[in-house]
C-alpha atoms as a PDB file:
ATOM      1  CA  MET A   1     -23.245-242.494  34.242  1.00  0.00           C
ATOM      2  CA  ARG A   2     -26.696-242.497  32.892  1.00  0.00           C
ATOM      3  CA  PRO A   3     -27.228-241.666  29.209  1.00  0.00           C
ATOM      4  CA  ALA A   4     -27.991-238.260  29.586  1.00  0.00           C
ATOM      5  CA  HIS A   5     -24.948-237.070  31.933  1.00  0.00           C
ATOM      6  CA  LEU A   6     -22.541-238.753  29.522  1.00  0.00           C
ATOM      7  CA  ILE A   7     -24.267-236.139  26.916  1.00  0.00           C
ATOM      8  CA  ALA A   8     -24.283-233.201  29.041  1.00  0.00           C
ATOM      9  CA  SER A   9     -21.043-233.956  30.855  1.00  0.00           C
ATOM     10  CA  VAL A  10     -19.836-234.587  26.439  1.00  0.00           C
ATOM     11  CA  VAL A  11     -21.237-231.411  25.808  1.00  0.00           C
ATOM     12  CA  THR A  12     -19.719-229.796  28.860  1.00  0.00           C
ATOM     13  CA  ALA A  13     -16.111-230.505  27.809  1.00  0.00           C
ATOM     14  CA  ALA A  14     -15.879-229.408  24.225  1.00  0.00           C
ATOM     15  CA  ALA A  15     -17.157-226.078  25.038  1.00  0.00           C
ATOM     16  CA  ALA A  16     -14.696-225.936  27.280  1.00  0.00           C
ATOM     17  CA  VAL A  17     -12.087-226.661  24.468  1.00  0.00           C
ATOM     18  CA  ILE A  18     -13.491-223.971  22.162  1.00  0.00           C
ATOM     19  CA  ALA A  19     -13.174-221.583  24.768  1.00  0.00           C
ATOM     20  CA  LEU A  20      -9.531-222.595  25.428  1.00  0.00           C
ATOM     21  CA  ALA A  21      -8.840-222.797  22.047  1.00  0.00           C
ATOM     22  CA  ASN A  22     -11.024-219.415  21.130  1.00  0.00           C
ATOM     23  CA  PRO A  23     -10.435-217.547  24.612  1.00  0.00           C
ATOM     24  CA  ALA A  24     -12.267-214.149  22.334  1.00  0.00           C
ATOM     25  CA  SER A  25     -15.361-216.575  22.508  1.00  0.00           C
ATOM     26  CA  ALA A  26     -15.036-217.026  25.830  1.00  0.00           C
ATOM     27  CA  ALA A  27     -16.668-213.709  26.846  1.00  0.00           C
ATOM     28  CA  ALA A  28     -18.052-210.569  25.671  1.00  0.00           C
ATOM     29  CA  VAL A  29     -16.154-208.200  23.528  1.00  0.00           C
ATOM     30  CA  ASN A  30     -16.395-204.813  24.359  1.00  0.00           C
ATOM     31  CA  TYR A  31     -15.470-202.612  22.464  1.00  0.00           C
ATOM     32  CA  VAL A  32     -14.129-198.989  21.551  1.00  0.00           C
ATOM     33  CA  ALA A  33     -11.798-196.889  19.534  1.00  0.00           C
ATOM     34  CA  LEU A  34      -9.777-194.177  19.753  1.00  0.00           C
ATOM     35  CA  GLY A  35      -8.112-192.052  16.788  1.00  0.00           C
ATOM     36  CA  ASP A  36      -7.333-189.488  14.386  1.00  0.00           C
ATOM     37  CA  SER A  37      -8.723-189.978  10.650  1.00  0.00           C
ATOM     38  CA  TYR A  38      -7.391-192.846  10.237  1.00  0.00           C
ATOM     39  CA  ALA A  39      -9.008-194.583  12.211  1.00  0.00           C
ATOM     40  CA  SER A  40     -12.300-192.465  11.761  1.00  0.00           C
ATOM     41  CA  GLY A  41     -12.374-193.480   8.269  1.00  0.00           C
ATOM     42  CA  LEU A  42     -11.873-190.035   6.653  1.00  0.00           C
ATOM     43  CA  GLY A  43     -10.941-190.841   2.841  1.00  0.00           C
ATOM     44  CA  THR A  44     -13.546-193.399   2.493  1.00  0.00           C
ATOM     45  CA  GLY A  45     -15.960-190.969   1.357  1.00  0.00           C
ATOM     46  CA  SER A  46     -19.114-192.568   3.288  1.00  0.00           C
ATOM     47  CA  TYR A  47     -19.500-191.198   6.745  1.00  0.00           C
ATOM     48  CA  ASP A  48     -21.713-191.466   9.465  1.00  0.00           C
ATOM     49  CA  GLY A  49     -24.025-187.610   9.452  1.00  0.00           C
ATOM     50  CA  ALA A  50     -24.014-187.575  13.675  1.00  0.00           C
ATOM     51  CA  SER A  51     -20.806-187.884  13.648  1.00  0.00           C
ATOM     52  CA  GLY A  52     -20.226-184.242  12.226  1.00  0.00           C
ATOM     53  CA  SER A  53     -17.075-182.650  11.170  1.00  0.00           C
ATOM     54  CA  CYS A  54     -14.995-186.153  12.595  1.00  0.00           C
ATOM     55  CA  LYS A  55     -15.883-187.930   9.609  1.00  0.00           C
ATOM     56  CA  ARG A  56     -16.355-191.640  11.489  1.00  0.00           C
ATOM     57  CA  GLY A  57     -17.917-194.063   9.225  1.00  0.00           C
ATOM     58  CA  PRO A  58     -19.091-197.492   8.577  1.00  0.00           C
ATOM     59  CA  LEU A  59     -16.119-198.384   6.059  1.00  0.00           C
ATOM     60  CA  ALA A  60     -13.223-197.660   8.801  1.00  0.00           C
ATOM     61  CA  TYR A  61     -11.590-200.726  10.138  1.00  0.00           C
ATOM     62  CA  PRO A  62     -13.016-200.335  13.461  1.00  0.00           C
ATOM     63  CA  ALA A  63     -16.571-200.239  12.557  1.00  0.00           C
ATOM     64  CA  LEU A  64     -15.239-203.363   9.324  1.00  0.00           C
ATOM     65  CA  TRP A  65     -13.563-204.888  12.255  1.00  0.00           C
ATOM     66  CA  ALA A  66     -16.999-205.006  14.331  1.00  0.00           C
ATOM     67  CA  ALA A  67     -19.461-205.431  11.564  1.00  0.00           C
ATOM     68  CA  ALA A  68     -17.565-208.573  10.767  1.00  0.00           C
ATOM     69  CA  THR A  69     -17.391-209.830  14.418  1.00  0.00           C
ATOM     70  CA  ALA A  70     -20.701-208.838  16.025  1.00  0.00           C
ATOM     71  CA  PRO A  71     -18.950-207.518  19.767  1.00  0.00           C
ATOM     72  CA  ALA A  72     -21.388-207.829  22.543  1.00  0.00           C
ATOM     73  CA  SER A  73     -20.448-203.614  22.659  1.00  0.00           C
ATOM     74  CA  PHE A  74     -19.101-201.490  20.400  1.00  0.00           C
ATOM     75  CA  LYS A  75     -18.520-197.292  20.077  1.00  0.00           C
ATOM     76  CA  SER A  76     -15.649-195.203  18.310  1.00  0.00           C
ATOM     77  CA  LEU A  77     -15.030-191.740  19.366  1.00  0.00           C
ATOM     78  CA  ALA A  78     -11.821-191.332  16.627  1.00  0.00           C
ATOM     79  CA  CYS A  79     -12.331-187.701  14.464  1.00  0.00           C
ATOM     80  CA  SER A  80     -10.860-186.221  11.597  1.00  0.00           C
ATOM     81  CA  GLY A  81      -7.871-183.844  13.272  1.00  0.00           C
ATOM     82  CA  ALA A  82      -7.507-185.151  16.818  1.00  0.00           C
ATOM     83  CA  ARG A  83      -4.369-184.840  18.404  1.00  0.00           C
ATOM     84  CA  THR A  84      -3.131-186.858  21.549  1.00  0.00           C
ATOM     85  CA  GLY A  85      -4.978-184.159  23.575  1.00  0.00           C
ATOM     86  CA  ASP A  86      -8.303-185.132  21.673  1.00  0.00           C
ATOM     87  CA  VAL A  87      -7.624-189.024  22.659  1.00  0.00           C
ATOM     88  CA  ILE A  88      -7.400-187.875  26.331  1.00  0.00           C
ATOM     89  CA  ASN A  89     -10.350-186.841  25.909  1.00  0.00           C
ATOM     90  CA  GLN A  90     -12.050-190.006  24.028  1.00  0.00           C
ATOM     91  CA  ALA A  91     -10.945-192.590  26.082  1.00  0.00           C
ATOM     92  CA  ALA A  92     -13.541-190.911  28.420  1.00  0.00           C
ATOM     93  CA  ALA A  93     -15.465-193.631  27.298  1.00  0.00           C
ATOM     94  CA  VAL A  94     -13.295-196.350  28.083  1.00  0.00           C
ATOM     95  CA  THR A  95     -14.751-197.994  31.328  1.00  0.00           C
ATOM     96  CA  THR A  96     -13.335-200.656  33.332  1.00  0.00           C
ATOM     97  CA  SER A  97     -16.304-203.359  31.271  1.00  0.00           C
ATOM     98  CA  THR A  98     -14.441-202.166  28.012  1.00  0.00           C
ATOM     99  CA  ASN A  99     -12.059-205.560  27.233  1.00  0.00           C
ATOM    100  CA  LEU A 100     -10.816-204.214  24.070  1.00  0.00           C
ATOM    101  CA  VAL A 101      -9.409-200.468  22.630  1.00  0.00           C
ATOM    102  CA  THR A 102      -7.455-199.175  19.654  1.00  0.00           C
ATOM    103  CA  VAL A 103      -5.397-196.831  19.338  1.00  0.00           C
ATOM    104  CA  GLN A 104      -4.049-194.378  16.673  1.00  0.00           C
ATOM    105  CA  VAL A 105      -2.756-191.113  17.063  1.00  0.00           C
ATOM    106  CA  GLY A 106       0.956-188.966  17.103  1.00  0.00           C
ATOM    107  CA  GLY A 107       0.507-187.740  12.957  1.00  0.00           C
ATOM    108  CA  ASN A 108      -1.656-184.611  13.697  1.00  0.00           C
ATOM    109  CA  ASP A 109       0.486-183.680  16.325  1.00  0.00           C
ATOM    110  CA  ALA A 110       3.874-184.010  14.149  1.00  0.00           C
ATOM    111  CA  GLY A 111       1.744-181.880  11.802  1.00  0.00           C
ATOM    112  CA  PHE A 112       1.115-184.280   9.349  1.00  0.00           C
ATOM    113  CA  THR A 113      -1.398-181.503   6.970  1.00  0.00           C
ATOM    114  CA  ASP A 114       1.516-179.025   7.378  1.00  0.00           C
ATOM    115  CA  VAL A 115       4.342-180.982   6.136  1.00  0.00           C
ATOM    116  CA  ILE A 116       1.744-182.392   2.690  1.00  0.00           C
ATOM    117  CA  THR A 117       1.411-178.395   2.408  1.00  0.00           C
ATOM    118  CA  THR A 118       4.910-177.446   2.067  1.00  0.00           C
ATOM    119  CA  CYS A 119       5.261-180.794   0.269  1.00  0.00           C
ATOM    120  CA  THR A 120       2.975-179.905  -2.502  1.00  0.00           C
ATOM    121  CA  PHE A 121       4.207-176.029  -2.329  1.00  0.00           C
ATOM    122  CA  GLY A 122       6.982-175.634  -1.406  1.00  0.00           C
ATOM    123  CA  SER A 123      10.663-176.761  -3.010  1.00  0.00           C
ATOM    124  CA  ASP A 124      12.347-180.343  -2.296  1.00  0.00           C
ATOM    125  CA  GLN A 125      14.099-178.277  -0.021  1.00  0.00           C
ATOM    126  CA  ASP A 126      11.500-176.260   1.421  1.00  0.00           C
ATOM    127  CA  CYS A 127       9.384-179.910   2.186  1.00  0.00           C
ATOM    128  CA  VAL A 128      13.127-181.697   3.369  1.00  0.00           C
ATOM    129  CA  ASN A 129      13.243-178.776   5.758  1.00  0.00           C
ATOM    130  CA  ARG A 130       9.702-178.856   6.590  1.00  0.00           C
ATOM    131  CA  VAL A 131       9.550-182.910   7.130  1.00  0.00           C
ATOM    132  CA  ASN A 132      12.979-183.098   9.444  1.00  0.00           C
ATOM    133  CA  GLN A 133      10.932-180.984  12.035  1.00  0.00           C
ATOM    134  CA  SER A 134       8.879-183.142  11.847  1.00  0.00           C
ATOM    135  CA  LYS A 135      10.774-185.562  12.535  1.00  0.00           C
ATOM    136  CA  ALA A 136      12.644-183.795  15.114  1.00  0.00           C
ATOM    137  CA  TYR A 137       9.428-183.202  17.218  1.00  0.00           C
ATOM    138  CA  ILE A 138       8.236-186.783  16.613  1.00  0.00           C
ATOM    139  CA  ALA A 139      11.636-188.405  18.362  1.00  0.00           C
ATOM    140  CA  ASN A 140      11.346-185.394  21.365  1.00  0.00           C
ATOM    141  CA  THR A 141       8.253-184.706  22.333  1.00  0.00           C
ATOM    142  CA  LEU A 142       5.225-186.779  20.550  1.00  0.00           C
ATOM    143  CA  PRO A 143       6.918-189.496  22.919  1.00  0.00           C
ATOM    144  CA  GLY A 144       5.773-188.093  26.600  1.00  0.00           C
ATOM    145  CA  LEU A 145       3.014-187.221  24.557  1.00  0.00           C
ATOM    146  CA  LEU A 146       2.025-191.135  23.313  1.00  0.00           C
ATOM    147  CA  ASN A 147       2.785-192.308  27.098  1.00  0.00           C
ATOM    148  CA  ASN A 148      -0.240-190.172  28.278  1.00  0.00           C
ATOM    149  CA  VAL A 149      -2.600-190.929  25.839  1.00  0.00           C
ATOM    150  CA  TYR A 150      -1.311-194.505  27.276  1.00  0.00           C
ATOM    151  CA  GLY A 151      -1.081-194.332  30.618  1.00  0.00           C
ATOM    152  CA  THR A 152      -5.173-192.848  30.473  1.00  0.00           C
ATOM    153  CA  VAL A 153      -6.203-194.948  28.437  1.00  0.00           C
ATOM    154  CA  ARG A 154      -4.436-198.314  31.106  1.00  0.00           C
ATOM    155  CA  SER A 155      -6.136-195.818  33.940  1.00  0.00           C
ATOM    156  CA  LYS A 156      -9.509-196.058  32.570  1.00  0.00           C
ATOM    157  CA  SER A 157      -9.941-200.076  32.111  1.00  0.00           C
ATOM    158  CA  PRO A 158      -6.697-201.940  33.716  1.00  0.00           C
ATOM    159  CA  SER A 159      -7.540-204.850  31.760  1.00  0.00           C
ATOM    160  CA  ALA A 160      -8.210-204.593  28.644  1.00  0.00           C
ATOM    161  CA  ARG A 161      -6.317-205.837  25.648  1.00  0.00           C
ATOM    162  CA  VAL A 162      -5.040-202.104  23.999  1.00  0.00           C
ATOM    163  CA  VAL A 163      -3.766-202.916  20.021  1.00  0.00           C
ATOM    164  CA  VAL A 164      -2.119-199.434  18.688  1.00  0.00           C
ATOM    165  CA  LEU A 165      -1.645-198.615  14.881  1.00  0.00           C
ATOM    166  CA  GLY A 166       0.806-197.087  12.794  1.00  0.00           C
ATOM    167  CA  TYR A 167       0.797-195.046   9.802  1.00  0.00           C
ATOM    168  CA  PRO A 168       1.928-196.676   6.155  1.00  0.00           C
ATOM    169  CA  ARG A 169       4.334-195.413   3.413  1.00  0.00           C
ATOM    170  CA  ILE A 170       2.446-192.295   1.043  1.00  0.00           C
ATOM    171  CA  TYR A 171       4.649-193.069  -1.469  1.00  0.00           C
ATOM    172  CA  LYS A 172       5.865-195.911  -4.190  1.00  0.00           C
ATOM    173  CA  VAL A 173       9.503-194.405  -4.593  1.00  0.00           C
ATOM    174  CA  PRO A 174      10.419-194.505  -7.397  1.00  0.00           C
ATOM    175  CA  GLY A 175       6.963-194.726  -9.475  1.00  0.00           C
ATOM    176  CA  THR A 176       4.567-194.529 -11.762  1.00  0.00           C
ATOM    177  CA  CYS A 177       3.309-191.098 -11.339  1.00  0.00           C
ATOM    178  CA  ASN A 178       4.783-188.982 -13.916  1.00  0.00           C
ATOM    179  CA  VAL A 179       3.563-185.545 -12.227  1.00  0.00           C
ATOM    180  CA  GLY A 180       3.266-184.455  -9.128  1.00  0.00           C
ATOM    181  CA  LEU A 181       5.822-184.475  -5.502  1.00  0.00           C
ATOM    182  CA  SER A 182       9.922-185.283  -7.160  1.00  0.00           C
ATOM    183  CA  ASP A 183      10.770-188.804  -5.506  1.00  0.00           C
ATOM    184  CA  THR A 184      13.366-186.409  -3.516  1.00  0.00           C
ATOM    185  CA  LYS A 185       9.981-185.668  -1.438  1.00  0.00           C
ATOM    186  CA  ARG A 186       8.120-188.173  -1.854  1.00  0.00           C
ATOM    187  CA  THR A 187      10.998-190.046  -0.007  1.00  0.00           C
ATOM    188  CA  ALA A 188      11.092-187.066   2.871  1.00  0.00           C
ATOM    189  CA  ILE A 189       7.609-187.391   3.382  1.00  0.00           C
ATOM    190  CA  ASN A 190       8.101-191.382   3.535  1.00  0.00           C
ATOM    191  CA  SER A 191      10.682-190.748   6.369  1.00  0.00           C
ATOM    192  CA  GLY A 192       8.045-189.337   8.691  1.00  0.00           C
ATOM    193  CA  SER A 193       6.058-191.943   8.574  1.00  0.00           C
ATOM    194  CA  ASP A 194       8.925-194.035   9.397  1.00  0.00           C
ATOM    195  CA  ALA A 195       9.768-192.122  12.248  1.00  0.00           C
ATOM    196  CA  LEU A 196       6.347-192.482  13.513  1.00  0.00           C
ATOM    197  CA  HIS A 197       6.364-195.881  13.536  1.00  0.00           C
ATOM    198  CA  ASN A 198       9.791-195.624  15.655  1.00  0.00           C
ATOM    199  CA  THR A 199       8.591-193.464  18.091  1.00  0.00           C
ATOM    200  CA  ILE A 200       5.022-195.586  18.583  1.00  0.00           C
ATOM    201  CA  SER A 201       6.090-198.714  18.415  1.00  0.00           C
ATOM    202  CA  ALA A 202       8.473-197.746  21.185  1.00  0.00           C
ATOM    203  CA  ARG A 203       6.139-196.076  23.314  1.00  0.00           C
ATOM    204  CA  ALA A 204       2.852-198.872  23.029  1.00  0.00           C
ATOM    205  CA  ALA A 205       5.993-201.477  23.903  1.00  0.00           C
ATOM    206  CA  ALA A 206       6.737-199.173  26.742  1.00  0.00           C
ATOM    207  CA  ALA A 207       2.885-199.162  28.282  1.00  0.00           C
ATOM    208  CA  GLY A 208       2.795-203.431  27.966  1.00  0.00           C
ATOM    209  CA  PHE A 209       0.540-202.377  24.134  1.00  0.00           C
ATOM    210  CA  SER A 210      -0.010-204.516  20.682  1.00  0.00           C
ATOM    211  CA  TYR A 211       1.821-203.163  17.989  1.00  0.00           C
ATOM    212  CA  ILE A 212       0.224-203.180  13.969  1.00  0.00           C
ATOM    213  CA  ASP A 213       3.245-202.069  11.367  1.00  0.00           C
ATOM    214  CA  VAL A 214       0.505-201.272   8.568  1.00  0.00           C
ATOM    215  CA  ARG A 215       3.304-200.564   6.657  1.00  0.00           C
ATOM    216  CA  GLY A 216       4.033-203.807   4.680  1.00  0.00           C
ATOM    217  CA  ALA A 217       0.787-204.748   3.929  1.00  0.00           C
ATOM    218  CA  PHE A 218       0.587-201.632   1.915  1.00  0.00           C
ATOM    219  CA  THR A 219       4.184-201.956   0.254  1.00  0.00           C
ATOM    220  CA  GLY A 220       2.586-201.572  -3.148  1.00  0.00           C
ATOM    221  CA  HIS A 221      -0.425-200.395  -2.507  1.00  0.00           C
ATOM    222  CA  GLU A 222       1.372-196.656  -1.653  1.00  0.00           C
ATOM    223  CA  ILE A 223       0.476-193.569  -3.979  1.00  0.00           C
ATOM    224  CA  CYS A 224       2.017-193.949  -7.432  1.00  0.00           C
ATOM    225  CA  SER A 225       1.724-198.189  -6.754  1.00  0.00           C
ATOM    226  CA  SER A 226       0.084-199.698  -9.225  1.00  0.00           C
ATOM    227  CA  SER A 227      -2.677-200.286  -6.906  1.00  0.00           C
ATOM    228  CA  TRP A 228      -3.166-197.246  -4.683  1.00  0.00           C
ATOM    229  CA  TRP A 229      -4.666-198.248  -1.173  1.00  0.00           C
ATOM    230  CA  LEU A 230      -3.932-194.314  -0.464  1.00  0.00           C
ATOM    231  CA  ASN A 231      -5.666-191.079  -1.466  1.00  0.00           C
ATOM    232  CA  SER A 232      -3.707-188.776  -3.092  1.00  0.00           C
ATOM    233  CA  LEU A 233      -4.996-184.727  -3.441  1.00  0.00           C
ATOM    234  CA  SER A 234      -9.027-184.987  -4.072  1.00  0.00           C
ATOM    235  CA  TRP A 235     -11.876-183.318  -3.722  1.00  0.00           C
ATOM    236  CA  PRO A 236     -13.292-183.159  -1.055  1.00  0.00           C
ATOM    237  CA  VAL A 237      -9.396-181.828  -0.155  1.00  0.00           C
ATOM    238  CA  ASP A 238      -9.728-183.613   3.214  1.00  0.00           C
ATOM    239  CA  GLU A 239      -9.796-186.636   1.987  1.00  0.00           C
ATOM    240  CA  SER A 240      -5.783-186.293   0.379  1.00  0.00           C
ATOM    241  CA  TYR A 241      -2.772-188.896   1.993  1.00  0.00           C
ATOM    242  CA  HIS A 242      -5.997-190.434   3.690  1.00  0.00           C
ATOM    243  CA  PRO A 243      -6.429-194.860   3.310  1.00  0.00           C
ATOM    244  CA  ASN A 244      -9.758-195.157   0.575  1.00  0.00           C
ATOM    245  CA  ARG A 245     -11.645-197.620   0.766  1.00  0.00           C
ATOM    246  CA  ALA A 246      -9.518-200.422  -0.275  1.00  0.00           C
ATOM    247  CA  GLY A 247      -6.806-199.440   2.781  1.00  0.00           C
ATOM    248  CA  HIS A 248      -9.123-199.939   5.581  1.00  0.00           C
ATOM    249  CA  GLN A 249     -10.638-203.316   3.620  1.00  0.00           C
ATOM    250  CA  SER A 250      -7.448-204.969   2.328  1.00  0.00           C
ATOM    251  CA  GLY A 251      -4.768-203.105   4.223  1.00  0.00           C
ATOM    252  CA  TYR A 252      -5.647-202.405   8.012  1.00  0.00           C
ATOM    253  CA  LEU A 253      -8.871-204.730   8.422  1.00  0.00           C
ATOM    254  CA  PRO A 254      -6.504-207.812   7.712  1.00  0.00           C
ATOM    255  CA  ALA A 255      -3.416-206.514   9.791  1.00  0.00           C
ATOM    256  CA  LEU A 256      -5.834-205.538  12.647  1.00  0.00           C
ATOM    257  CA  ARG A 257      -7.443-209.477  12.629  1.00  0.00           C
ATOM    258  CA  ALA A 258      -4.352-211.398  12.818  1.00  0.00           C
ATOM    259  CA  VAL A 259      -3.641-209.843  15.675  1.00  0.00           C
ATOM    260  CA  ILE A 260      -7.200-209.961  17.606  1.00  0.00           C
ATOM    261  CA  GLY A 261      -9.390-212.395  15.375  1.00  0.00           C
END
């Protein structure tokens, strides 16, 4: 074999080895992010003006991942307030060329905002009752709604890798906060997060999708811990009880990268 041909053969072989070692590098990544305010970046305080009330921003974990990895294309449809029906509409952006999709939804369907409001202004028993109502919805109604979302995403791009992300526990119990919600209320709210985990993880698995449980990543960084990755009652008020910049950068992003690179 002539030297030039030998060099070409070596280069080709090396490229093949690299592609096998890192399959993501062998094909362009076309990424679409779907979801609610946790995926849009509400809580980070930095938003794209064109996104309006959806409050999508460059410090949300989908945008951070795209900035770090430079996929061939990236589009986030995540929107503050989105429920499962809204995410089905968002999925119109998923096409057969889309090969990576992240989905985060379910908290708004379960009445997250109303739970927080009731627990903030009501009694301990009011809070527990409202959380239990939410947990019943999560167990009995949300599974079918999630099936519809996941089925829609799969139908839009049968070969895409789909990653579903869950929600953190909100409070450290007991914690360092001396004022605010009681430990009874904090424990009840956390049990709602656990209920969401149980349902979302089960439906994601049934759909054949990857699931990311971020509760462990946020442990030690809940509200009332020594290092908060979530906003407590904040201004603007809609940023309350959402991941802050550290929550996306140090919580969600590493969890996502651990799964998709």
